[in-house]
PDB file of N, CA and C in Angstrom:
ATOM      1  N   SER A   1       0.846  -1.174   0.000  1.00  0.00           N
ATOM      2  CA  SER A   1       0.000   0.000   0.000  1.00  0.00           C
ATOM      3  C   SER A   1       0.889   1.234   0.000  1.00  0.00           C
ATOM      4  N   PHE A   2       0.359   2.317  -0.558  1.00  0.00           N
ATOM      5  CA  PHE A   2       1.091   3.569  -0.690  1.00  0.00           C
ATOM      6  C   PHE A   2       0.265   4.702  -0.118  1.00  0.00           C
ATOM      7  N   MET A   3       0.946   5.761   0.329  1.00  0.00           N
ATOM      8  CA  MET A   3       0.274   6.980   0.771  1.00  0.00           C
ATOM      9  C   MET A   3       0.952   8.147   0.073  1.00  0.00           C
ATOM     10  N   GLY A   4       0.225   9.239  -0.087  1.00  0.00           N
ATOM     11  CA  GLY A   4       0.810  10.420  -0.704  1.00  0.00           C
ATOM     12  C   GLY A   4      -0.232  11.187  -1.487  1.00  0.00           C
ATOM     13  N   MET A   5       0.207  11.928  -2.503  1.00  0.00           N
ATOM     14  CA  MET A   5      -0.681  12.735  -3.333  1.00  0.00           C
ATOM     15  C   MET A   5      -1.447  11.817  -4.272  1.00  0.00           C
ATOM     16  N   VAL A   6      -2.519  11.256  -3.765  1.00  0.00           N
ATOM     17  CA  VAL A   6      -3.274  10.240  -4.494  1.00  0.00           C
ATOM     18  C   VAL A   6      -3.860  10.768  -5.797  1.00  0.00           C
ATOM     19  N   ILE A   7      -4.058  12.066  -5.893  1.00  0.00           N
ATOM     20  CA  ILE A   7      -4.675  12.612  -7.102  1.00  0.00           C
ATOM     21  C   ILE A   7      -3.846  12.292  -8.350  1.00  0.00           C
ATOM     22  N   TRP A   8      -2.541  12.093  -8.192  1.00  0.00           N
ATOM     23  CA  TRP A   8      -1.682  11.763  -9.332  1.00  0.00           C
ATOM     24  C   TRP A   8      -1.532  10.264  -9.509  1.00  0.00           C
ATOM     25  N   GLY A   9      -1.944   9.486  -8.504  1.00  0.00           N
ATOM     26  CA  GLY A   9      -1.823   8.039  -8.602  1.00  0.00           C
ATOM     27  C   GLY A   9      -0.378   7.580  -8.516  1.00  0.00           C
ATOM     28  N   LEU A  10      -0.131   6.403  -9.052  1.00  0.00           N
ATOM     29  CA  LEU A  10       1.209   5.812  -9.067  1.00  0.00           C
ATOM     30  C   LEU A  10       1.508   5.310 -10.479  1.00  0.00           C
ATOM     31  N   PRO A  11       1.740   6.216 -11.419  1.00  0.00           N
ATOM     32  CA  PRO A  11       1.886   5.804 -12.812  1.00  0.00           C
ATOM     33  C   PRO A  11       3.028   4.822 -13.060  1.00  0.00           C
ATOM     34  N   ASN A  12       4.064   4.853 -12.229  1.00  0.00           N
ATOM     35  CA  ASN A  12       5.185   3.927 -12.417  1.00  0.00           C
ATOM     36  C   ASN A  12       4.853   2.502 -11.999  1.00  0.00           C
ATOM     37  N   PHE A  13       3.738   2.309 -11.272  1.00  0.00           N
ATOM     38  CA  PHE A  13       3.368   0.987 -10.782  1.00  0.00           C
ATOM     39  C   PHE A  13       2.141   0.419 -11.495  1.00  0.00           C
ATOM     40  N   GLY A  14       1.403   1.243 -12.226  1.00  0.00           N
ATOM     41  CA  GLY A  14       0.161   0.816 -12.877  1.00  0.00           C
ATOM     42  C   GLY A  14       0.422   0.166 -14.213  1.00  0.00           C
ATOM     43  N   PRO A  15      -0.600  -0.209 -14.907  1.00  0.00           N
ATOM     44  CA  PRO A  15      -2.008  -0.006 -14.576  1.00  0.00           C
ATOM     45  C   PRO A  15      -2.490  -0.993 -13.512  1.00  0.00           C
ATOM     46  N   PHE A  16      -3.613  -0.635 -12.872  1.00  0.00           N
ATOM     47  CA  PHE A  16      -4.133  -1.384 -11.739  1.00  0.00           C
ATOM     48  C   PHE A  16      -5.477  -2.031 -12.049  1.00  0.00           C
ATOM     49  N   ASP A  17      -5.703  -3.198 -11.441  1.00  0.00           N
ATOM     50  CA  ASP A  17      -7.010  -3.867 -11.510  1.00  0.00           C
ATOM     51  C   ASP A  17      -8.027  -3.138 -10.644  1.00  0.00           C
ATOM     52  N   ARG A  18      -7.576  -2.652  -9.488  1.00  0.00           N
ATOM     53  CA  ARG A  18      -8.454  -2.005  -8.517  1.00  0.00           C
ATOM     54  C   ARG A  18      -7.747  -0.801  -7.910  1.00  0.00           C
ATOM     55  N   ILE A  19      -8.529   0.263  -7.661  1.00  0.00           N
ATOM     56  CA  ILE A  19      -8.045   1.444  -6.947  1.00  0.00           C
ATOM     57  C   ILE A  19      -9.130   1.821  -5.951  1.00  0.00           C
ATOM     58  N   ILE A  20      -8.740   2.058  -4.687  1.00  0.00           N
ATOM     59  CA  ILE A  20      -9.680   2.566  -3.697  1.00  0.00           C
ATOM     60  C   ILE A  20      -9.128   3.883  -3.154  1.00  0.00           C
ATOM     61  N   VAL A  21      -9.973   4.904  -3.149  1.00  0.00           N
ATOM     62  CA  VAL A  21      -9.600   6.220  -2.641  1.00  0.00           C
ATOM     63  C   VAL A  21     -10.405   6.441  -1.366  1.00  0.00           C
ATOM     64  N   THR A  22      -9.715   6.746  -0.266  1.00  0.00           N
ATOM     65  CA  THR A  22     -10.381   6.856   1.039  1.00  0.00           C
ATOM     66  C   THR A  22     -10.473   8.293   1.528  1.00  0.00           C
ATOM     67  N   ALA A  23     -10.504   9.241   0.582  1.00  0.00           N
ATOM     68  CA  ALA A  23     -10.717  10.654   0.902  1.00  0.00           C
ATOM     69  C   ALA A  23     -11.584  11.252  -0.198  1.00  0.00           C
ATOM     70  N   GLY A  24     -12.426  12.228   0.180  1.00  0.00           N
ATOM     71  CA  GLY A  24     -13.329  12.839  -0.787  1.00  0.00           C
ATOM     72  C   GLY A  24     -12.589  13.654  -1.831  1.00  0.00           C
ATOM     73  N   ALA A  25     -13.078  13.615  -3.055  1.00  0.00           N
ATOM     74  CA  ALA A  25     -12.495  14.380  -4.161  1.00  0.00           C
ATOM     75  C   ALA A  25     -13.610  15.149  -4.865  1.00  0.00           C
ATOM     76  N   PRO A  26     -13.317  16.355  -5.374  1.00  0.00           N
ATOM     77  CA  PRO A  26     -14.354  17.128  -6.057  1.00  0.00           C
ATOM     78  C   PRO A  26     -14.737  16.540  -7.412  1.00  0.00           C
ATOM     79  N   PHE A  27     -13.894  15.648  -7.942  1.00  0.00           N
ATOM     80  CA  PHE A  27     -14.129  14.988  -9.231  1.00  0.00           C
ATOM     81  C   PHE A  27     -13.254  13.739  -9.262  1.00  0.00           C
ATOM     82  N   VAL A  28     -13.481  12.868 -10.221  1.00  0.00           N
ATOM     83  CA  VAL A  28     -12.625  11.689 -10.382  1.00  0.00           C
ATOM     84  C   VAL A  28     -11.383  12.142 -11.157  1.00  0.00           C
ATOM     85  N   PRO A  29     -10.204  12.085 -10.536  1.00  0.00           N
ATOM     86  CA  PRO A  29      -8.995  12.552 -11.209  1.00  0.00           C
ATOM     87  C   PRO A  29      -8.673  11.739 -12.471  1.00  0.00           C
ATOM     88  N   GLU A  30      -8.408  12.441 -13.564  1.00  0.00           N
ATOM     89  CA  GLU A  30      -8.067  11.783 -14.831  1.00  0.00           C
ATOM     90  C   GLU A  30      -6.866  10.846 -14.699  1.00  0.00           C
ATOM     91  N   PRO A  31      -5.789  11.240 -13.951  1.00  0.00           N
ATOM     92  CA  PRO A  31      -4.655  10.323 -13.840  1.00  0.00           C
ATOM     93  C   PRO A  31      -5.041   8.973 -13.230  1.00  0.00           C
ATOM     94  N   LEU A  32      -6.014   8.964 -12.317  1.00  0.00           N
ATOM     95  CA  LEU A  32      -6.442   7.692 -11.734  1.00  0.00           C
ATOM     96  C   LEU A  32      -7.222   6.869 -12.752  1.00  0.00           C
ATOM     97  N   LYS A  33      -8.096   7.510 -13.524  1.00  0.00           N
ATOM     98  CA  LYS A  33      -8.814   6.786 -14.586  1.00  0.00           C
ATOM     99  C   LYS A  33      -7.824   6.187 -15.582  1.00  0.00           C
ATOM    100  N   ASP A  34      -6.800   6.971 -15.927  1.00  0.00           N
ATOM    101  CA  ASP A  34      -5.796   6.505 -16.888  1.00  0.00           C
ATOM    102  C   ASP A  34      -5.032   5.293 -16.379  1.00  0.00           C
ATOM    103  N   GLN A  35      -4.907   5.165 -15.041  1.00  0.00           N
ATOM    104  CA  GLN A  35      -4.120   4.082 -14.468  1.00  0.00           C
ATOM    105  C   GLN A  35      -4.917   2.806 -14.214  1.00  0.00           C
ATOM    106  N   LEU A  36      -6.217   2.822 -14.515  1.00  0.00           N
ATOM    107  CA  LEU A  36      -7.015   1.596 -14.426  1.00  0.00           C
ATOM    108  C   LEU A  36      -6.774   0.730 -15.658  1.00  0.00           C
ATOM    109  N   LYS A  37      -6.636  -0.580 -15.452  1.00  0.00           N
ATOM    110  CA  LYS A  37      -6.586  -1.517 -16.571  1.00  0.00           C
ATOM    111  C   LYS A  37      -7.968  -1.615 -17.200  1.00  0.00           C
ATOM    112  N   PRO A  38      -8.061  -1.977 -18.470  1.00  0.00           N
ATOM    113  CA  PRO A  38      -9.378  -2.313 -19.013  1.00  0.00           C
ATOM    114  C   PRO A  38     -10.009  -3.411 -18.149  1.00  0.00           C
ATOM    115  N   GLY A  39     -11.255  -3.213 -17.762  1.00  0.00           N
ATOM    116  CA  GLY A  39     -11.925  -4.115 -16.836  1.00  0.00           C
ATOM    117  C   GLY A  39     -11.687  -3.752 -15.380  1.00  0.00           C
ATOM    118  N   GLY A  40     -10.856  -2.727 -15.124  1.00  0.00           N
ATOM    119  CA  GLY A  40     -10.520  -2.311 -13.764  1.00  0.00           C
ATOM    120  C   GLY A  40     -11.637  -1.524 -13.100  1.00  0.00           C
ATOM    121  N   LEU A  41     -11.564  -1.450 -11.778  1.00  0.00           N
ATOM    122  CA  LEU A  41     -12.603  -0.812 -10.977  1.00  0.00           C
ATOM    123  C   LEU A  41     -11.965   0.095  -9.930  1.00  0.00           C
ATOM    124  N   MET A  42     -12.527   1.306  -9.779  1.00  0.00           N
ATOM    125  CA  MET A  42     -12.096   2.242  -8.745  1.00  0.00           C
ATOM    126  C   MET A  42     -13.303   2.609  -7.896  1.00  0.00           C
ATOM    127  N   VAL A  43     -13.087   2.755  -6.582  1.00  0.00           N
ATOM    128  CA  VAL A  43     -14.117   3.241  -5.670  1.00  0.00           C
ATOM    129  C   VAL A  43     -13.591   4.548  -5.097  1.00  0.00           C
ATOM    130  N   ILE A  44     -14.418   5.625  -5.201  1.00  0.00           N
ATOM    131  CA  ILE A  44     -13.977   6.951  -4.781  1.00  0.00           C
ATOM    132  C   ILE A  44     -15.180   7.790  -4.354  1.00  0.00           C
ATOM    133  N   PRO A  45     -15.097   8.481  -3.197  1.00  0.00           N
ATOM    134  CA  PRO A  45     -16.153   9.417  -2.817  1.00  0.00           C
ATOM    135  C   PRO A  45     -15.961  10.745  -3.565  1.00  0.00           C
ATOM    136  N   VAL A  46     -16.992  11.192  -4.300  1.00  0.00           N
ATOM    137  CA  VAL A  46     -16.893  12.385  -5.144  1.00  0.00           C
ATOM    138  C   VAL A  46     -17.925  13.421  -4.706  1.00  0.00           C
ATOM    139  N   GLY A  47     -17.482  14.668  -4.521  1.00  0.00           N
ATOM    140  CA  GLY A  47     -18.395  15.747  -4.161  1.00  0.00           C
ATOM    141  C   GLY A  47     -17.658  16.888  -3.495  1.00  0.00           C
ATOM    142  N   ASP A  48     -18.416  17.765  -2.819  1.00  0.00           N
ATOM    143  CA  ASP A  48     -17.783  18.892  -2.135  1.00  0.00           C
ATOM    144  C   ASP A  48     -17.353  18.468  -0.731  1.00  0.00           C
ATOM    145  N   THR A  49     -16.840  19.417   0.052  1.00  0.00           N
ATOM    146  CA  THR A  49     -16.298  19.067   1.369  1.00  0.00           C
ATOM    147  C   THR A  49     -17.360  18.641   2.370  1.00  0.00           C
ATOM    148  N   ASN A  50     -18.629  18.948   2.112  1.00  0.00           N
ATOM    149  CA  ASN A  50     -19.703  18.608   3.043  1.00  0.00           C
ATOM    150  C   ASN A  50     -20.489  17.365   2.664  1.00  0.00           C
ATOM    151  N   ASN A  51     -20.345  16.891   1.444  1.00  0.00           N
ATOM    152  CA  ASN A  51     -21.114  15.731   1.003  1.00  0.00           C
ATOM    153  C   ASN A  51     -20.469  15.134  -0.243  1.00  0.00           C
ATOM    154  N   GLN A  52     -20.248  13.838  -0.196  1.00  0.00           N
ATOM    155  CA  GLN A  52     -19.743  13.135  -1.368  1.00  0.00           C
ATOM    156  C   GLN A  52     -20.671  11.969  -1.697  1.00  0.00           C
ATOM    157  N   VAL A  53     -20.619  11.543  -2.937  1.00  0.00           N
ATOM    158  CA  VAL A  53     -21.370  10.376  -3.394  1.00  0.00           C
ATOM    159  C   VAL A  53     -20.360   9.265  -3.648  1.00  0.00           C
ATOM    160  N   MET A  54     -20.555   8.109  -2.979  1.00  0.00           N
ATOM    161  CA  MET A  54     -19.669   6.985  -3.227  1.00  0.00           C
ATOM    162  C   MET A  54     -19.864   6.550  -4.673  1.00  0.00           C
ATOM    163  N   THR A  55     -18.780   6.525  -5.418  1.00  0.00           N
ATOM    164  CA  THR A  55     -18.842   6.278  -6.853  1.00  0.00           C
ATOM    165  C   THR A  55     -17.919   5.131  -7.222  1.00  0.00           C
ATOM    166  N   THR A  56     -18.417   4.198  -8.028  1.00  0.00           N
ATOM    167  CA  THR A  56     -17.540   3.206  -8.634  1.00  0.00           C
ATOM    168  C   THR A  56     -17.293   3.632 -10.070  1.00  0.00           C
ATOM    169  N   VAL A  57     -16.051   3.519 -10.467  1.00  0.00           N
ATOM    170  CA  VAL A  57     -15.614   3.877 -11.813  1.00  0.00           C
ATOM    171  C   VAL A  57     -15.086   2.600 -12.447  1.00  0.00           C
ATOM    172  N   LYS A  58     -15.724   2.165 -13.516  1.00  0.00           N
ATOM    173  CA  LYS A  58     -15.282   0.950 -14.203  1.00  0.00           C
ATOM    174  C   LYS A  58     -14.767   1.324 -15.579  1.00  0.00           C
ATOM    175  N   LYS A  59     -13.553   0.856 -15.877  1.00  0.00           N
ATOM    176  CA  LYS A  59     -13.017   1.039 -17.223  1.00  0.00           C
ATOM    177  C   LYS A  59     -13.403  -0.201 -18.022  1.00  0.00           C
ATOM    178  N   GLN A  60     -14.245   0.005 -19.012  1.00  0.00           N
ATOM    179  CA  GLN A  60     -14.699  -1.095 -19.858  1.00  0.00           C
ATOM    180  C   GLN A  60     -13.516  -1.653 -20.659  1.00  0.00           C
ATOM    181  N   ASN A  61     -13.694  -2.822 -21.239  1.00  0.00           N
ATOM    182  CA  ASN A  61     -12.633  -3.420 -22.050  1.00  0.00           C
ATOM    183  C   ASN A  61     -12.273  -2.560 -23.256  1.00  0.00           C
ATOM    184  N   ASP A  62     -13.212  -1.710 -23.719  1.00  0.00           N
ATOM    185  CA  ASP A  62     -12.920  -0.788 -24.826  1.00  0.00           C
ATOM    186  C   ASP A  62     -12.376   0.547 -24.310  1.00  0.00           C
ATOM    187  N   SER A  63     -12.017   0.602 -23.019  1.00  0.00           N
ATOM    188  CA  SER A  63     -11.445   1.767 -22.321  1.00  0.00           C
ATOM    189  C   SER A  63     -12.437   2.892 -22.056  1.00  0.00           C
ATOM    190  N   LYS A  64     -13.718   2.717 -22.380  1.00  0.00           N
ATOM    191  CA  LYS A  64     -14.722   3.709 -21.992  1.00  0.00           C
ATOM    192  C   LYS A  64     -14.933   3.614 -20.485  1.00  0.00           C
ATOM    193  N   ILE A  65     -15.274   4.753 -19.873  1.00  0.00           N
ATOM    194  CA  ILE A  65     -15.469   4.830 -18.426  1.00  0.00           C
ATOM    195  C   ILE A  65     -16.961   4.825 -18.109  1.00  0.00           C
ATOM    196  N   GLN A  66     -17.337   4.004 -17.119  1.00  0.00           N
ATOM    197  CA  GLN A  66     -18.723   3.952 -16.645  1.00  0.00           C
ATOM    198  C   GLN A  66     -18.721   4.248 -15.148  1.00  0.00           C
ATOM    199  N   ASN A  67     -19.466   5.282 -14.729  1.00  0.00           N
ATOM    200  CA  ASN A  67     -19.593   5.637 -13.313  1.00  0.00           C
ATOM    201  C   ASN A  67     -20.936   5.156 -12.782  1.00  0.00           C
ATOM    202  N   THR A  68     -20.933   4.627 -11.555  1.00  0.00           N
ATOM    203  CA  THR A  68     -22.156   4.240 -10.865  1.00  0.00           C
ATOM    204  C   THR A  68     -22.120   4.866  -9.478  1.00  0.00           C
ATOM    205  N   GLU A  69     -23.211   5.534  -9.092  1.00  0.00           N
ATOM    206  CA  GLU A  69     -23.284   6.195  -7.786  1.00  0.00           C
ATOM    207  C   GLU A  69     -23.991   5.303  -6.775  1.00  0.00           C
ATOM    208  N   HIS A  70     -23.528   5.365  -5.502  1.00  0.00           N
ATOM    209  CA  HIS A  70     -24.015   4.457  -4.462  1.00  0.00           C
ATOM    210  C   HIS A  70     -24.475   5.154  -3.192  1.00  0.00           C
ATOM    211  N   GLY A  71     -24.811   6.427  -3.237  1.00  0.00           N
ATOM    212  CA  GLY A  71     -25.330   7.095  -2.049  1.00  0.00           C
ATOM    213  C   GLY A  71     -24.375   8.118  -1.474  1.00  0.00           C
ATOM    214  N   ASP A  72     -24.895   8.878  -0.505  1.00  0.00           N
ATOM    215  CA  ASP A  72     -24.170  10.003   0.084  1.00  0.00           C
ATOM    216  C   ASP A  72     -23.307   9.581   1.268  1.00  0.00           C
ATOM    217  N   PHE A  73     -22.136  10.226   1.370  1.00  0.00           N
ATOM    218  CA  PHE A  73     -21.178   9.984   2.437  1.00  0.00           C
ATOM    219  C   PHE A  73     -20.467  11.288   2.740  1.00  0.00           C
ATOM    220  N   ILE A  74     -19.708  11.316   3.827  1.00  0.00           N
ATOM    221  CA  ILE A  74     -18.795  12.422   4.106  1.00  0.00           C
ATOM    222  C   ILE A  74     -17.438  11.816   4.456  1.00  0.00           C
ATOM    223  N   PHE A  75     -16.404  12.214   3.720  1.00  0.00           N
ATOM    224  CA  PHE A  75     -15.033  11.774   3.940  1.00  0.00           C
ATOM    225  C   PHE A  75     -14.160  13.006   4.140  1.00  0.00           C
ATOM    226  N   VAL A  76     -12.972  12.807   4.685  1.00  0.00           N
ATOM    227  CA  VAL A  76     -12.003  13.896   4.732  1.00  0.00           C
ATOM    228  C   VAL A  76     -11.625  14.240   3.298  1.00  0.00           C
ATOM    229  N   PRO A  77     -11.234  15.511   3.020  1.00  0.00           N
ATOM    230  CA  PRO A  77     -10.920  15.891   1.644  1.00  0.00           C
ATOM    231  C   PRO A  77      -9.580  15.337   1.162  1.00  0.00           C
ATOM    232  N   LEU A  78      -9.522  15.067  -0.122  1.00  0.00           N
ATOM    233  CA  LEU A  78      -8.284  14.696  -0.791  1.00  0.00           C
ATOM    234  C   LEU A  78      -7.363  15.909  -0.764  1.00  0.00           C
ATOM    235  N   LEU A  79      -6.115  15.731  -0.381  1.00  0.00           N
ATOM    236  CA  LEU A  79      -5.198  16.861  -0.242  1.00  0.00           C
ATOM    237  C   LEU A  79      -4.521  17.175  -1.565  1.00  0.00           C
ATOM    238  N   ASP A  80      -4.906  18.298  -2.146  1.00  0.00           N
ATOM    239  CA  ASP A  80      -4.269  18.816  -3.348  1.00  0.00           C
ATOM    240  C   ASP A  80      -4.795  20.216  -3.577  1.00  0.00           C
ATOM    241  N   ASN A  81      -3.934  21.200  -3.537  1.00  0.00           N
ATOM    242  CA  ASN A  81      -4.354  22.596  -3.705  1.00  0.00           C
ATOM    243  C   ASN A  81      -5.114  22.806  -4.999  1.00  0.00           C
ATOM    244  N   LYS A  82      -4.708  22.143  -6.071  1.00  0.00           N
ATOM    245  CA  LYS A  82      -5.327  22.346  -7.370  1.00  0.00           C
ATOM    246  C   LYS A  82      -6.731  21.757  -7.423  1.00  0.00           C
ATOM    247  N   ALA A  83      -6.958  20.662  -6.727  1.00  0.00           N
ATOM    248  CA  ALA A  83      -8.263  19.997  -6.786  1.00  0.00           C
ATOM    249  C   ALA A  83      -9.363  20.850  -6.172  1.00  0.00           C
ATOM    250  N   TRP A  84      -9.099  21.452  -5.021  1.00  0.00           N
ATOM    251  CA  TRP A  84     -10.141  22.202  -4.315  1.00  0.00           C
ATOM    252  C   TRP A  84     -10.112  23.689  -4.639  1.00  0.00           C
ATOM    253  N   GLY A  85      -9.147  24.154  -5.421  1.00  0.00           N
ATOM    254  CA  GLY A  85      -9.088  25.570  -5.812  1.00  0.00           C
ATOM    255  C   GLY A  85      -8.374  26.355  -4.804  1.00  0.00           C
TER     256      GLY A  85
END
């Protein structure tokens, strides 16, 4: 397991079958989508600092992205000055 600026992911170690993000993000970061293998799955809470929606992101075998929402949650924010403005 790794810790750090998760918004950039770990491009030197990917692509990944699974990614789990345990902090809220205002959007699904493109670098994380890029690091999913075709058929890969990411779980990430997406929204503002007061409310996020648990979201699964699946990269289809044709590399198209499919998002599915699973309800409201509140997580600590993802740390990145650029993400939150």
